[in-house]
Amino acid sequence: MIQLYNSQGYHCEPGTEDGFAPGPGDTACRPHNSDYAPQDWSIGLSEILRVFQFRNSGGYHYCPGDDTEDGFCLGLT
């Protein structure tokens, strides 16, 4: 995530650990789940901070009815 954030953009890259690589390139695949506000093939500050929230909370879970920015809540269920 840090690498994608620092690159100011990312693209699809089959064969990598997560299917993505830093920098410009092919965007014909589904974007990274952390790229949502807006979905623009770039991980922004608010998006990377959300990832840190999940990591620091020990987990996350899907909670579409809780009106969160991305449909997920902190903590395991």
Protein backbone atom coordinates (compact mmCIF):
# COMPACT_ATOMS: atom_id res chain seq x y z
CA MET A 1 0.00 0.00 0.00
CA ILE A 2 2.76 2.46 0.87
CA GLN A 3 4.45 1.73 -2.43
CA LEU A 4 1.23 2.39 -4.38
CA TYR A 5 0.57 5.55 -2.36
CA ASN A 6 4.11 6.87 -2.89
CA SER A 7 4.00 6.19 -6.63
CA GLN A 8 1.16 8.67 -7.25
CA GLY A 9 -0.62 5.98 -9.26
CA TYR A 10 -0.73 2.27 -9.99
CA HIS A 11 -1.76 -0.21 -12.66
CA CYS A 12 -2.72 -3.87 -13.18
CA GLU A 13 0.25 -6.23 -13.10
CA PRO A 14 -0.48 -9.98 -13.24
CA GLY A 15 2.04 -12.11 -11.41
CA THR A 16 2.65 -9.68 -8.54
CA GLU A 17 1.60 -10.48 -4.96
CA ASP A 18 -1.56 -8.36 -5.22
CA GLY A 19 -2.03 -7.98 -8.99
CA PHE A 20 -0.86 -4.33 -9.06
CA ALA A 21 2.34 -2.35 -9.60
CA PRO A 22 3.31 1.31 -9.10
CA GLY A 23 3.15 3.84 -11.91
CA PRO A 24 1.16 4.18 -15.12
CA GLY A 25 0.12 1.18 -17.20
CA ASP A 26 -2.78 -1.16 -17.89
CA THR A 27 -6.00 -0.27 -16.03
CA ALA A 28 -8.22 -2.94 -17.61
CA CYS A 29 -8.58 -4.90 -14.35
CA ARG A 30 -10.69 -4.20 -11.28
CA PRO A 31 -9.07 -1.37 -9.23
CA HIS A 32 -7.55 -1.96 -5.80
CA ASN A 33 -10.18 -2.08 -3.03
CA SER A 34 -8.47 0.81 -1.22
CA ASP A 35 -8.94 3.11 -4.22
CA TYR A 36 -12.48 4.37 -3.65
CA ALA A 37 -12.57 8.12 -2.86
CA PRO A 38 -12.53 8.74 -5.80
CA GLN A 39 -11.64 5.60 -7.73
CA ASP A 40 -8.91 7.09 -9.92
CA TRP A 41 -6.00 4.59 -10.09
CA SER A 42 -4.22 6.52 -7.36
CA ILE A 43 -4.20 5.87 -3.60
CA GLY A 44 -4.83 9.18 -1.85
CA LEU A 45 -4.01 10.29 1.68
CA SER A 46 -7.49 9.57 3.09
CA GLU A 47 -7.44 6.12 1.48
CA ILE A 48 -4.05 5.15 2.91
CA LEU A 49 -5.04 6.47 6.33
CA ARG A 50 -8.13 4.24 6.22
CA VAL A 51 -5.87 1.23 5.60
CA PHE A 52 -3.81 2.22 8.66
CA GLN A 53 -7.01 2.45 10.73
CA PHE A 54 -7.89 -1.13 9.78
CA ARG A 55 -4.40 -2.39 10.55
CA ASN A 56 -4.22 -0.62 13.91
CA SER A 57 -7.66 -1.85 14.95
CA GLY A 58 -6.72 -5.48 14.45
CA GLY A 59 -9.23 -6.06 11.68
CA TYR A 60 -12.35 -4.91 9.93
CA HIS A 61 -15.70 -6.21 8.79
CA TYR A 62 -18.34 -5.44 6.19
CA CYS A 63 -21.08 -3.18 7.60
CA PRO A 64 -23.09 -1.65 4.73
CA GLY A 65 -25.84 -0.35 7.02
CA ASP A 66 -23.52 1.72 9.24
CA ASP A 67 -23.03 4.61 6.77
CA THR A 68 -19.22 4.48 6.70
CA GLU A 69 -17.16 5.98 3.87
CA ASP A 70 -16.34 2.56 2.38
CA GLY A 71 -18.91 0.10 3.78
CA PHE A 72 -16.52 -1.36 6.36
CA CYS A 73 -16.21 -0.96 10.15
CA LEU A 74 -13.20 -1.30 12.41
CA GLY A 75 -12.71 -4.46 14.47
CA LEU A 76 -13.49 -8.10 13.90
CA THR A 77 -16.99 -9.49 14.35
